[in-house]
Amino acid sequence: VAVVTEASGFTLHGTAIGHGGRWSAFGIAYGSSPGFSFLNATIPLNLDPLLQVFLGLPASIVLLPAEGYRSLRVAMPSANPLSGVPLYAAHVILDLNTLTIPGLSSALPFVLP
């Protein structure tokens, strides 16, 4: 996962070559440790209120395009309540046919301006 931040929001970029057509989930959270167990993996984000709200956003979970790459732009208000707060992002690939996680990024720390 990669994160590009700017005053008006941030963009998450995820790559999972060879996993096109599987489900792709982006998440952000206040913390990355201890994470939580899901299917056959430990997701490197804490299951905190920020992650729970983020997973409800449109396009946080979508089918990964065949190319194995996708981005998600998240706009933030001008009075950004998360400005200066340490955050973590991760990208998870889900295979619902086998109920496994064949792809998982590390947690990437970032701070919004």
PDB file of N, CA and C in Angstrom:
ATOM      1  N   VAL A   1       0.846  -1.177   0.000  1.00  0.00           N
ATOM      2  CA  VAL A   1       0.000   0.000   0.000  1.00  0.00           C
ATOM      3  C   VAL A   1       0.893   1.242   0.000  1.00  0.00           C
ATOM      4  N   ALA A   2       0.403   2.274  -0.673  1.00  0.00           N
ATOM      5  CA  ALA A   2       1.081   3.570  -0.672  1.00  0.00           C
ATOM      6  C   ALA A   2       0.025   4.628  -0.355  1.00  0.00           C
ATOM      7  N   VAL A   3       0.465   5.713   0.260  1.00  0.00           N
ATOM      8  CA  VAL A   3      -0.444   6.800   0.621  1.00  0.00           C
ATOM      9  C   VAL A   3       0.156   8.114   0.143  1.00  0.00           C
ATOM     10  N   VAL A   4      -0.654   8.901  -0.544  1.00  0.00           N
ATOM     11  CA  VAL A   4      -0.272  10.253  -0.953  1.00  0.00           C
ATOM     12  C   VAL A   4      -1.198  11.201  -0.206  1.00  0.00           C
ATOM     13  N   THR A   5      -0.602  12.096   0.588  1.00  0.00           N
ATOM     14  CA  THR A   5      -1.412  13.022   1.377  1.00  0.00           C
ATOM     15  C   THR A   5      -1.335  14.423   0.798  1.00  0.00           C
ATOM     16  N   GLU A   6      -2.394  15.169   1.010  1.00  0.00           N
ATOM     17  CA  GLU A   6      -2.447  16.574   0.628  1.00  0.00           C
ATOM     18  C   GLU A   6      -3.451  17.250   1.552  1.00  0.00           C
ATOM     19  N   ALA A   7      -3.510  18.563   1.519  1.00  0.00           N
ATOM     20  CA  ALA A   7      -4.376  19.306   2.433  1.00  0.00           C
ATOM     21  C   ALA A   7      -5.848  18.923   2.296  1.00  0.00           C
ATOM     22  N   SER A   8      -6.270  18.570   1.090  1.00  0.00           N
ATOM     23  CA  SER A   8      -7.692  18.291   0.863  1.00  0.00           C
ATOM     24  C   SER A   8      -8.069  16.817   1.059  1.00  0.00           C
ATOM     25  N   GLY A   9      -7.110  15.967   1.390  1.00  0.00           N
ATOM     26  CA  GLY A   9      -7.416  14.559   1.610  1.00  0.00           C
ATOM     27  C   GLY A   9      -6.220  13.667   1.367  1.00  0.00           C
ATOM     28  N   PHE A  10      -6.487  12.427   0.998  1.00  0.00           N
ATOM     29  CA  PHE A  10      -5.401  11.480   0.739  1.00  0.00           C
ATOM     30  C   PHE A  10      -5.865  10.450  -0.283  1.00  0.00           C
ATOM     31  N   THR A  11      -4.878   9.807  -0.912  1.00  0.00           N
ATOM     32  CA  THR A  11      -5.149   8.755  -1.884  1.00  0.00           C
ATOM     33  C   THR A  11      -4.387   7.506  -1.479  1.00  0.00           C
ATOM     34  N   LEU A  12      -5.094   6.391  -1.433  1.00  0.00           N
ATOM     35  CA  LEU A  12      -4.494   5.094  -1.159  1.00  0.00           C
ATOM     36  C   LEU A  12      -4.267   4.381  -2.492  1.00  0.00           C
ATOM     37  N   HIS A  13      -3.105   3.764  -2.647  1.00  0.00           N
ATOM     38  CA  HIS A  13      -2.770   3.010  -3.850  1.00  0.00           C
ATOM     39  C   HIS A  13      -2.429   1.584  -3.433  1.00  0.00           C
ATOM     40  N   GLY A  14      -3.050   0.617  -4.086  1.00  0.00           N
ATOM     41  CA  GLY A  14      -2.785  -0.782  -3.774  1.00  0.00           C
ATOM     42  C   GLY A  14      -2.420  -1.556  -5.028  1.00  0.00           C
ATOM     43  N   THR A  15      -1.425  -2.415  -4.899  1.00  0.00           N
ATOM     44  CA  THR A  15      -0.994  -3.261  -6.013  1.00  0.00           C
ATOM     45  C   THR A  15      -1.001  -4.708  -5.550  1.00  0.00           C
ATOM     46  N   ALA A  16      -1.587  -5.566  -6.375  1.00  0.00           N
ATOM     47  CA  ALA A  16      -1.592  -7.002  -6.106  1.00  0.00           C
ATOM     48  C   ALA A  16      -1.622  -7.718  -7.457  1.00  0.00           C
ATOM     49  N   ILE A  17      -0.508  -7.652  -8.163  1.00  0.00           N
ATOM     50  CA  ILE A  17      -0.398  -8.264  -9.487  1.00  0.00           C
ATOM     51  C   ILE A  17      -0.707  -9.759  -9.364  1.00  0.00           C
ATOM     52  N   GLY A  18      -1.516 -10.264 -10.274  1.00  0.00           N
ATOM     53  CA  GLY A  18      -1.886 -11.665 -10.244  1.00  0.00           C
ATOM     54  C   GLY A  18      -3.126 -11.957  -9.414  1.00  0.00           C
ATOM     55  N   HIS A  19      -3.702 -10.931  -8.786  1.00  0.00           N
ATOM     56  CA  HIS A  19      -4.887 -11.133  -7.952  1.00  0.00           C
ATOM     57  C   HIS A  19      -6.108 -10.401  -8.505  1.00  0.00           C
ATOM     58  N   GLY A  20      -6.050  -9.968  -9.756  1.00  0.00           N
ATOM     59  CA  GLY A  20      -7.194  -9.287 -10.356  1.00  0.00           C
ATOM     60  C   GLY A  20      -8.445 -10.149 -10.275  1.00  0.00           C
ATOM     61  N   GLY A  21      -9.580  -9.517 -10.006  1.00  0.00           N
ATOM     62  CA  GLY A  21     -10.837 -10.243  -9.869  1.00  0.00           C
ATOM     63  C   GLY A  21     -11.146 -10.695  -8.461  1.00  0.00           C
ATOM     64  N   ARG A  22     -10.197 -10.549  -7.558  1.00  0.00           N
ATOM     65  CA  ARG A  22     -10.454 -10.853  -6.144  1.00  0.00           C
ATOM     66  C   ARG A  22     -10.847  -9.558  -5.448  1.00  0.00           C
ATOM     67  N   TRP A  23     -11.356  -9.679  -4.242  1.00  0.00           N
ATOM     68  CA  TRP A  23     -11.785  -8.502  -3.494  1.00  0.00           C
ATOM     69  C   TRP A  23     -10.582  -7.788  -2.892  1.00  0.00           C
ATOM     70  N   SER A  24     -10.609  -6.475  -2.985  1.00  0.00           N
ATOM     71  CA  SER A  24      -9.538  -5.613  -2.492  1.00  0.00           C
ATOM     72  C   SER A  24     -10.128  -4.696  -1.426  1.00  0.00           C
ATOM     73  N   ALA A  25      -9.510  -4.686  -0.255  1.00  0.00           N
ATOM     74  CA  ALA A  25      -9.979  -3.837   0.845  1.00  0.00           C
ATOM     75  C   ALA A  25      -8.852  -2.924   1.309  1.00  0.00           C
ATOM     76  N   PHE A  26      -9.128  -1.627   1.350  1.00  0.00           N
ATOM     77  CA  PHE A  26      -8.220  -0.664   1.968  1.00  0.00           C
ATOM     78  C   PHE A  26      -8.746  -0.384   3.369  1.00  0.00           C
ATOM     79  N   GLY A  27      -7.824  -0.153   4.280  1.00  0.00           N
ATOM     80  CA  GLY A  27      -8.223   0.234   5.625  1.00  0.00           C
ATOM     81  C   GLY A  27      -7.258   1.237   6.197  1.00  0.00           C
ATOM     82  N   ILE A  28      -7.771   2.118   7.063  1.00  0.00           N
ATOM     83  CA  ILE A  28      -6.912   2.993   7.856  1.00  0.00           C
ATOM     84  C   ILE A  28      -7.359   2.871   9.306  1.00  0.00           C
ATOM     85  N   ALA A  29      -6.398   3.017  10.209  1.00  0.00           N
ATOM     86  CA  ALA A  29      -6.683   2.879  11.635  1.00  0.00           C
ATOM     87  C   ALA A  29      -5.731   3.764  12.429  1.00  0.00           C
ATOM     88  N   TYR A  30      -6.079   3.956  13.692  1.00  0.00           N
ATOM     89  CA  TYR A  30      -5.207   4.726  14.588  1.00  0.00           C
ATOM     90  C   TYR A  30      -3.971   3.937  15.006  1.00  0.00           C
ATOM     91  N   GLY A  31      -4.045   2.616  14.960  1.00  0.00           N
ATOM     92  CA  GLY A  31      -2.918   1.806  15.397  1.00  0.00           C
ATOM     93  C   GLY A  31      -2.734   0.571  14.543  1.00  0.00           C
ATOM     94  N   SER A  32      -1.540  -0.025  14.643  1.00  0.00           N
ATOM     95  CA  SER A  32      -1.222  -1.206  13.841  1.00  0.00           C
ATOM     96  C   SER A  32      -0.871  -2.424  14.676  1.00  0.00           C
ATOM     97  N   SER A  33      -0.827  -2.266  15.964  1.00  0.00           N
ATOM     98  CA  SER A  33      -0.431  -3.379  16.816  1.00  0.00           C
ATOM     99  C   SER A  33      -1.402  -3.463  17.987  1.00  0.00           C
ATOM    100  N   PRO A  34      -1.986  -4.606  18.246  1.00  0.00           N
ATOM    101  CA  PRO A  34      -1.602  -5.936  17.795  1.00  0.00           C
ATOM    102  C   PRO A  34      -2.236  -6.373  16.479  1.00  0.00           C
ATOM    103  N   GLY A  35      -3.137  -5.570  15.885  1.00  0.00           N
ATOM    104  CA  GLY A  35      -3.862  -6.020  14.707  1.00  0.00           C
ATOM    105  C   GLY A  35      -4.975  -6.965  15.125  1.00  0.00           C
ATOM    106  N   PHE A  36      -5.550  -7.686  14.146  1.00  0.00           N
ATOM    107  CA  PHE A  36      -6.600  -8.640  14.495  1.00  0.00           C
ATOM    108  C   PHE A  36      -6.583  -9.803  13.505  1.00  0.00           C
ATOM    109  N   SER A  37      -7.020 -10.956  13.983  1.00  0.00           N
ATOM    110  CA  SER A  37      -7.067 -12.156  13.151  1.00  0.00           C
ATOM    111  C   SER A  37      -8.320 -12.142  12.298  1.00  0.00           C
ATOM    112  N   PHE A  38      -8.138 -12.502  11.004  1.00  0.00           N
ATOM    113  CA  PHE A  38      -9.262 -12.617  10.087  1.00  0.00           C
ATOM    114  C   PHE A  38      -8.906 -13.678   9.063  1.00  0.00           C
ATOM    115  N   LEU A  39      -9.765 -14.675   8.922  1.00  0.00           N
ATOM    116  CA  LEU A  39      -9.522 -15.813   8.058  1.00  0.00           C
ATOM    117  C   LEU A  39      -8.162 -16.421   8.385  1.00  0.00           C
ATOM    118  N   ASN A  40      -7.228 -16.465   7.428  1.00  0.00           N
ATOM    119  CA  ASN A  40      -5.937 -17.128   7.653  1.00  0.00           C
ATOM    120  C   ASN A  40      -4.800 -16.139   7.922  1.00  0.00           C
ATOM    121  N   ALA A  41      -5.120 -14.903   8.316  1.00  0.00           N
ATOM    122  CA  ALA A  41      -4.068 -13.882   8.455  1.00  0.00           C
ATOM    123  C   ALA A  41      -4.319 -12.990   9.662  1.00  0.00           C
ATOM    124  N   THR A  42      -3.279 -12.266  10.025  1.00  0.00           N
ATOM    125  CA  THR A  42      -3.412 -11.199  11.012  1.00  0.00           C
ATOM    126  C   THR A  42      -3.370  -9.885  10.259  1.00  0.00           C
ATOM    127  N   ILE A  43      -4.466  -9.149  10.294  1.00  0.00           N
ATOM    128  CA  ILE A  43      -4.551  -7.861   9.622  1.00  0.00           C
ATOM    129  C   ILE A  43      -3.735  -6.862  10.446  1.00  0.00           C
ATOM    130  N   PRO A  44      -2.803  -6.124   9.814  1.00  0.00           N
ATOM    131  CA  PRO A  44      -1.888  -5.270  10.572  1.00  0.00           C
ATOM    132  C   PRO A  44      -2.475  -3.904  10.942  1.00  0.00           C
ATOM    133  N   LEU A  45      -3.774  -3.869  11.208  1.00  0.00           N
ATOM    134  CA  LEU A  45      -4.442  -2.660  11.679  1.00  0.00           C
ATOM    135  C   LEU A  45      -5.280  -3.033  12.891  1.00  0.00           C
ATOM    136  N   ASN A  46      -5.397  -2.101  13.834  1.00  0.00           N
ATOM    137  CA  ASN A  46      -6.270  -2.354  14.971  1.00  0.00           C
ATOM    138  C   ASN A  46      -7.718  -2.176  14.542  1.00  0.00           C
ATOM    139  N   LEU A  47      -8.579  -2.988  15.080  1.00  0.00           N
ATOM    140  CA  LEU A  47     -10.002  -2.910  14.763  1.00  0.00           C
ATOM    141  C   LEU A  47     -10.631  -1.822  15.635  1.00  0.00           C
ATOM    142  N   ASP A  48     -10.211  -0.587  15.376  1.00  0.00           N
ATOM    143  CA  ASP A  48     -10.658   0.564  16.169  1.00  0.00           C
ATOM    144  C   ASP A  48     -11.811   1.278  15.461  1.00  0.00           C
ATOM    145  N   PRO A  49     -12.409   2.294  16.090  1.00  0.00           N
ATOM    146  CA  PRO A  49     -13.552   2.986  15.467  1.00  0.00           C
ATOM    147  C   PRO A  49     -13.232   3.586  14.097  1.00  0.00           C
ATOM    148  N   LEU A  50     -12.009   4.081  13.881  1.00  0.00           N
ATOM    149  CA  LEU A  50     -11.661   4.652  12.590  1.00  0.00           C
ATOM    150  C   LEU A  50     -11.720   3.590  11.494  1.00  0.00           C
ATOM    151  N   LEU A  51     -11.150   2.417  11.739  1.00  0.00           N
ATOM    152  CA  LEU A  51     -11.184   1.345  10.749  1.00  0.00           C
ATOM    153  C   LEU A  51     -12.626   0.905  10.482  1.00  0.00           C
ATOM    154  N   GLN A  52     -13.417   0.791  11.523  1.00  0.00           N
ATOM    155  CA  GLN A  52     -14.803   0.358  11.352  1.00  0.00           C
ATOM    156  C   GLN A  52     -15.590   1.340  10.494  1.00  0.00           C
ATOM    157  N   VAL A  53     -15.390   2.636  10.707  1.00  0.00           N
ATOM    158  CA  VAL A  53     -16.070   3.646   9.884  1.00  0.00           C
ATOM    159  C   VAL A  53     -15.521   3.623   8.468  1.00  0.00           C
ATOM    160  N   PHE A  54     -14.193   3.521   8.322  1.00  0.00           N
ATOM    161  CA  PHE A  54     -13.573   3.551   6.999  1.00  0.00           C
ATOM    162  C   PHE A  54     -14.072   2.409   6.123  1.00  0.00           C
ATOM    163  N   LEU A  55     -14.232   1.222   6.689  1.00  0.00           N
ATOM    164  CA  LEU A  55     -14.682   0.073   5.899  1.00  0.00           C
ATOM    165  C   LEU A  55     -16.112   0.242   5.397  1.00  0.00           C
ATOM    166  N   GLY A  56     -16.846   1.202   5.954  1.00  0.00           N
ATOM    167  CA  GLY A  56     -18.190   1.495   5.481  1.00  0.00           C
ATOM    168  C   GLY A  56     -18.234   2.502   4.345  1.00  0.00           C
ATOM    169  N   LEU A  57     -17.085   3.095   4.007  1.00  0.00           N
ATOM    170  CA  LEU A  57     -17.053   4.063   2.911  1.00  0.00           C
ATOM    171  C   LEU A  57     -17.252   3.373   1.564  1.00  0.00           C
ATOM    172  N   PRO A  58     -17.940   4.053   0.645  1.00  0.00           N
ATOM    173  CA  PRO A  58     -18.047   3.490  -0.705  1.00  0.00           C
ATOM    174  C   PRO A  58     -16.644   3.288  -1.294  1.00  0.00           C
ATOM    175  N   ALA A  59     -16.431   2.168  -1.919  1.00  0.00           N
ATOM    176  CA  ALA A  59     -15.183   1.818  -2.604  1.00  0.00           C
ATOM    177  C   ALA A  59     -14.037   1.447  -1.661  1.00  0.00           C
ATOM    178  N   SER A  60     -14.298   1.295  -0.360  1.00  0.00           N
ATOM    179  CA  SER A  60     -13.212   0.793   0.496  1.00  0.00           C
ATOM    180  C   SER A  60     -12.971  -0.686   0.223  1.00  0.00           C
ATOM    181  N   ILE A  61     -14.036  -1.405  -0.204  1.00  0.00           N
ATOM    182  CA  ILE A  61     -13.923  -2.816  -0.585  1.00  0.00           C
ATOM    183  C   ILE A  61     -14.554  -2.978  -1.961  1.00  0.00           C
ATOM    184  N   VAL A  62     -13.739  -3.358  -2.949  1.00  0.00           N
ATOM    185  CA  VAL A  62     -14.215  -3.528  -4.335  1.00  0.00           C
ATOM    186  C   VAL A  62     -13.477  -4.693  -4.983  1.00  0.00           C
ATOM    187  N   LEU A  63     -13.979  -5.120  -6.130  1.00  0.00           N
ATOM    188  CA  LEU A  63     -13.243  -6.118  -6.915  1.00  0.00           C
ATOM    189  C   LEU A  63     -11.999  -5.459  -7.499  1.00  0.00           C
ATOM    190  N   LEU A  64     -10.867  -6.108  -7.345  1.00  0.00           N
ATOM    191  CA  LEU A  64      -9.609  -5.598  -7.879  1.00  0.00           C
ATOM    192  C   LEU A  64      -9.620  -5.728  -9.397  1.00  0.00           C
ATOM    193  N   PRO A  65      -9.319  -4.645 -10.115  1.00  0.00           N
ATOM    194  CA  PRO A  65      -9.263  -4.745 -11.581  1.00  0.00           C
ATOM    195  C   PRO A  65      -8.245  -5.803 -12.028  1.00  0.00           C
ATOM    196  N   ALA A  66      -8.420  -6.297 -13.245  1.00  0.00           N
ATOM    197  CA  ALA A  66      -7.567  -7.354 -13.794  1.00  0.00           C
ATOM    198  C   ALA A  66      -6.086  -6.995 -13.755  1.00  0.00           C
ATOM    199  N   GLU A  67      -5.775  -5.703 -13.879  1.00  0.00           N
ATOM    200  CA  GLU A  67      -4.377  -5.258 -13.871  1.00  0.00           C
ATOM    201  C   GLU A  67      -3.716  -5.444 -12.506  1.00  0.00           C
ATOM    202  N   GLY A  68      -4.520  -5.606 -11.446  1.00  0.00           N
ATOM    203  CA  GLY A  68      -3.964  -5.797 -10.111  1.00  0.00           C
ATOM    204  C   GLY A  68      -3.573  -4.508  -9.417  1.00  0.00           C
ATOM    205  N   TYR A  69      -4.175  -3.392  -9.827  1.00  0.00           N
ATOM    206  CA  TYR A  69      -3.830  -2.095  -9.229  1.00  0.00           C
ATOM    207  C   TYR A  69      -5.098  -1.270  -9.063  1.00  0.00           C
ATOM    208  N   ARG A  70      -5.209  -0.574  -7.932  1.00  0.00           N
ATOM    209  CA  ARG A  70      -6.324   0.352  -7.750  1.00  0.00           C
ATOM    210  C   ARG A  70      -5.945   1.467  -6.794  1.00  0.00           C
ATOM    211  N   SER A  71      -6.729   2.542  -6.852  1.00  0.00           N
ATOM    212  CA  SER A  71      -6.527   3.696  -5.976  1.00  0.00           C
ATOM    213  C   SER A  71      -7.870   4.095  -5.387  1.00  0.00           C
ATOM    214  N   LEU A  72      -7.814   4.755  -4.255  1.00  0.00           N
ATOM    215  CA  LEU A  72      -9.007   5.296  -3.604  1.00  0.00           C
ATOM    216  C   LEU A  72      -8.675   6.675  -3.066  1.00  0.00           C
ATOM    217  N   ARG A  73      -9.376   7.679  -3.570  1.00  0.00           N
ATOM    218  CA  ARG A  73      -9.203   9.065  -3.112  1.00  0.00           C
ATOM    219  C   ARG A  73     -10.229   9.341  -2.027  1.00  0.00           C
ATOM    220  N   VAL A  74      -9.770   9.876  -0.902  1.00  0.00           N
ATOM    221  CA  VAL A  74     -10.642  10.223   0.220  1.00  0.00           C
ATOM    222  C   VAL A  74     -10.500  11.710   0.490  1.00  0.00           C
ATOM    223  N   ALA A  75     -11.573  12.444   0.275  1.00  0.00           N
ATOM    224  CA  ALA A  75     -11.567  13.884   0.535  1.00  0.00           C
ATOM    225  C   ALA A  75     -11.792  14.133   2.025  1.00  0.00           C
ATOM    226  N   MET A  76     -11.124  15.149   2.537  1.00  0.00           N
ATOM    227  CA  MET A  76     -11.273  15.517   3.950  1.00  0.00           C
ATOM    228  C   MET A  76     -11.773  16.955   4.028  1.00  0.00           C
ATOM    229  N   PRO A  77     -12.528  17.294   5.073  1.00  0.00           N
ATOM    230  CA  PRO A  77     -13.004  18.678   5.213  1.00  0.00           C
ATOM    231  C   PRO A  77     -11.837  19.618   5.505  1.00  0.00           C
ATOM    232  N   SER A  78     -12.056  20.911   5.256  1.00  0.00           N
ATOM    233  CA  SER A  78     -10.966  21.877   5.476  1.00  0.00           C
ATOM    234  C   SER A  78     -10.580  21.965   6.954  1.00  0.00           C
ATOM    235  N   ALA A  79     -11.503  21.741   7.847  1.00  0.00           N
ATOM    236  CA  ALA A  79     -11.163  21.620   9.272  1.00  0.00           C
ATOM    237  C   ALA A  79     -10.997  20.127   9.550  1.00  0.00           C
ATOM    238  N   ASN A  80      -9.868  19.564   9.104  1.00  0.00           N
ATOM    239  CA  ASN A  80      -9.632  18.126   9.151  1.00  0.00           C
ATOM    240  C   ASN A  80      -9.402  17.642  10.580  1.00  0.00           C
ATOM    241  N   PRO A  81     -10.304  16.828  11.122  1.00  0.00           N
ATOM    242  CA  PRO A  81     -10.135  16.350  12.496  1.00  0.00           C
ATOM    243  C   PRO A  81      -8.976  15.361  12.658  1.00  0.00           C
ATOM    244  N   LEU A  82      -8.465  14.819  11.545  1.00  0.00           N
ATOM    245  CA  LEU A  82      -7.357  13.864  11.620  1.00  0.00           C
ATOM    246  C   LEU A  82      -6.000  14.497  11.308  1.00  0.00           C
ATOM    247  N   SER A  83      -5.976  15.799  11.078  1.00  0.00           N
ATOM    248  CA  SER A  83      -4.725  16.487  10.765  1.00  0.00           C
ATOM    249  C   SER A  83      -3.726  16.338  11.912  1.00  0.00           C
ATOM    250  N   GLY A  84      -2.525  15.869  11.573  1.00  0.00           N
ATOM    251  CA  GLY A  84      -1.471  15.716  12.564  1.00  0.00           C
ATOM    252  C   GLY A  84      -1.543  14.449  13.394  1.00  0.00           C
ATOM    253  N   VAL A  85      -2.572  13.642  13.203  1.00  0.00           N
ATOM    254  CA  VAL A  85      -2.743  12.404  13.978  1.00  0.00           C
ATOM    255  C   VAL A  85      -2.036  11.255  13.253  1.00  0.00           C
ATOM    256  N   PRO A  86      -1.181  10.502  13.946  1.00  0.00           N
ATOM    257  CA  PRO A  86      -0.539   9.352  13.297  1.00  0.00           C
ATOM    258  C   PRO A  86      -1.583   8.306  12.918  1.00  0.00           C
ATOM    259  N   LEU A  87      -1.556   7.876  11.661  1.00  0.00           N
ATOM    260  CA  LEU A  87      -2.490   6.878  11.145  1.00  0.00           C
ATOM    261  C   LEU A  87      -1.713   5.762  10.454  1.00  0.00           C
ATOM    262  N   TYR A  88      -2.402   4.669  10.179  1.00  0.00           N
ATOM    263  CA  TYR A  88      -1.799   3.524   9.499  1.00  0.00           C
ATOM    264  C   TYR A  88      -2.751   3.053   8.406  1.00  0.00           C
ATOM    265  N   ALA A  89      -2.199   2.637   7.277  1.00  0.00           N
ATOM    266  CA  ALA A  89      -2.991   2.130   6.160  1.00  0.00           C
ATOM    267  C   ALA A  89      -2.517   0.728   5.797  1.00  0.00           C
ATOM    268  N   ALA A  90      -3.441  -0.084   5.271  1.00  0.00           N
ATOM    269  CA  ALA A  90      -3.088  -1.420   4.786  1.00  0.00           C
ATOM    270  C   ALA A  90      -4.017  -1.793   3.641  1.00  0.00           C
ATOM    271  N   HIS A  91      -3.558  -2.749   2.836  1.00  0.00           N
ATOM    272  CA  HIS A  91      -4.318  -3.263   1.684  1.00  0.00           C
ATOM    273  C   HIS A  91      -4.423  -4.775   1.849  1.00  0.00           C
ATOM    274  N   VAL A  92      -5.653  -5.277   1.764  1.00  0.00           N
ATOM    275  CA  VAL A  92      -5.923  -6.699   1.957  1.00  0.00           C
ATOM    276  C   VAL A  92      -6.607  -7.255   0.710  1.00  0.00           C
ATOM    277  N   ILE A  93      -6.157  -8.415   0.239  1.00  0.00           N
ATOM    278  CA  ILE A  93      -6.790  -9.109  -0.873  1.00  0.00           C
ATOM    279  C   ILE A  93      -7.537 -10.312  -0.303  1.00  0.00           C
ATOM    280  N   LEU A  94      -8.824 -10.419  -0.644  1.00  0.00           N
ATOM    281  CA  LEU A  94      -9.674 -11.490  -0.138  1.00  0.00           C
ATOM    282  C   LEU A  94     -10.090 -12.418  -1.276  1.00  0.00           C
ATOM    283  N   ASP A  95      -9.971 -13.713  -1.058  1.00  0.00           N
ATOM    284  CA  ASP A  95     -10.473 -14.706  -2.009  1.00  0.00           C
ATOM    285  C   ASP A  95     -11.681 -15.354  -1.349  1.00  0.00           C
ATOM    286  N   LEU A  96     -12.871 -14.961  -1.766  1.00  0.00           N
ATOM    287  CA  LEU A  96     -14.082 -15.472  -1.137  1.00  0.00           C
ATOM    288  C   LEU A  96     -14.433 -16.888  -1.582  1.00  0.00           C
ATOM    289  N   ASN A  97     -13.806 -17.383  -2.648  1.00  0.00           N
ATOM    290  CA  ASN A  97     -14.027 -18.772  -3.064  1.00  0.00           C
ATOM    291  C   ASN A  97     -13.354 -19.747  -2.105  1.00  0.00           C
ATOM    292  N   THR A  98     -12.154 -19.384  -1.638  1.00  0.00           N
ATOM    293  CA  THR A  98     -11.405 -20.265  -0.733  1.00  0.00           C
ATOM    294  C   THR A  98     -11.417 -19.755   0.711  1.00  0.00           C
ATOM    295  N   LEU A  99     -12.045 -18.599   0.929  1.00  0.00           N
ATOM    296  CA  LEU A  99     -12.067 -17.956   2.252  1.00  0.00           C
ATOM    297  C   LEU A  99     -10.657 -17.812   2.825  1.00  0.00           C
ATOM    298  N   THR A 100      -9.789 -17.219   1.992  1.00  0.00           N
ATOM    299  CA  THR A 100      -8.414 -16.963   2.419  1.00  0.00           C
ATOM    300  C   THR A 100      -8.032 -15.529   2.057  1.00  0.00           C
ATOM    301  N   ILE A 101      -6.920 -15.115   2.596  1.00  0.00           N
ATOM    302  CA  ILE A 101      -6.316 -13.829   2.269  1.00  0.00           C
ATOM    303  C   ILE A 101      -5.008 -14.122   1.549  1.00  0.00           C
ATOM    304  N   PRO A 102      -5.019 -14.100   0.208  1.00  0.00           N
ATOM    305  CA  PRO A 102      -3.811 -14.408  -0.545  1.00  0.00           C
ATOM    306  C   PRO A 102      -2.836 -13.245  -0.662  1.00  0.00           C
ATOM    307  N   GLY A 103      -3.258 -12.053  -0.257  1.00  0.00           N
ATOM    308  CA  GLY A 103      -2.382 -10.892  -0.332  1.00  0.00           C
ATOM    309  C   GLY A 103      -2.658  -9.928   0.801  1.00  0.00           C
ATOM    310  N   LEU A 104      -1.585  -9.409   1.401  1.00  0.00           N
ATOM    311  CA  LEU A 104      -1.722  -8.532   2.557  1.00  0.00           C
ATOM    312  C   LEU A 104      -0.489  -7.642   2.642  1.00  0.00           C
ATOM    313  N   SER A 105      -0.713  -6.333   2.714  1.00  0.00           N
ATOM    314  CA  SER A 105       0.423  -5.414   2.863  1.00  0.00           C
ATOM    315  C   SER A 105       0.800  -5.283   4.337  1.00  0.00           C
ATOM    316  N   SER A 106       1.939  -4.704   4.574  1.00  0.00           N
ATOM    317  CA  SER A 106       2.296  -4.270   5.919  1.00  0.00           C
ATOM    318  C   SER A 106       1.516  -2.998   6.217  1.00  0.00           C
ATOM    319  N   ALA A 107       1.445  -2.637   7.473  1.00  0.00           N
ATOM    320  CA  ALA A 107       0.834  -1.353   7.837  1.00  0.00           C
ATOM    321  C   ALA A 107       1.810  -0.240   7.506  1.00  0.00           C
ATOM    322  N   LEU A 108       1.316   0.773   6.846  1.00  0.00           N
ATOM    323  CA  LEU A 108       2.144   1.921   6.459  1.00  0.00           C
ATOM    324  C   LEU A 108       1.744   3.130   7.293  1.00  0.00           C
ATOM    325  N   PRO A 109       2.675   3.675   8.095  1.00  0.00           N
ATOM    326  CA  PRO A 109       2.323   4.863   8.883  1.00  0.00           C
ATOM    327  C   PRO A 109       2.285   6.111   8.007  1.00  0.00           C
ATOM    328  N   PHE A 110       1.350   7.019   8.300  1.00  0.00           N
ATOM    329  CA  PHE A 110       1.283   8.304   7.617  1.00  0.00           C
ATOM    330  C   PHE A 110       0.588   9.316   8.505  1.00  0.00           C
ATOM    331  N   VAL A 111       0.778  10.600   8.170  1.00  0.00           N
ATOM    332  CA  VAL A 111       0.159  11.694   8.912  1.00  0.00           C
ATOM    333  C   VAL A 111      -0.429  12.663   7.892  1.00  0.00           C
ATOM    334  N   LEU A 112      -1.673  13.051   8.101  1.00  0.00           N
ATOM    335  CA  LEU A 112      -2.301  14.031   7.224  1.00  0.00           C
ATOM    336  C   LEU A 112      -1.855  15.423   7.606  1.00  0.00           C
ATOM    337  N   PRO A 113      -1.651  16.307   6.611  1.00  0.00           N
ATOM    338  CA  PRO A 113      -1.222  17.682   6.927  1.00  0.00           C
ATOM    339  C   PRO A 113      -2.331  18.471   7.595  1.00  0.00           C
TER     340      PRO A 113
END
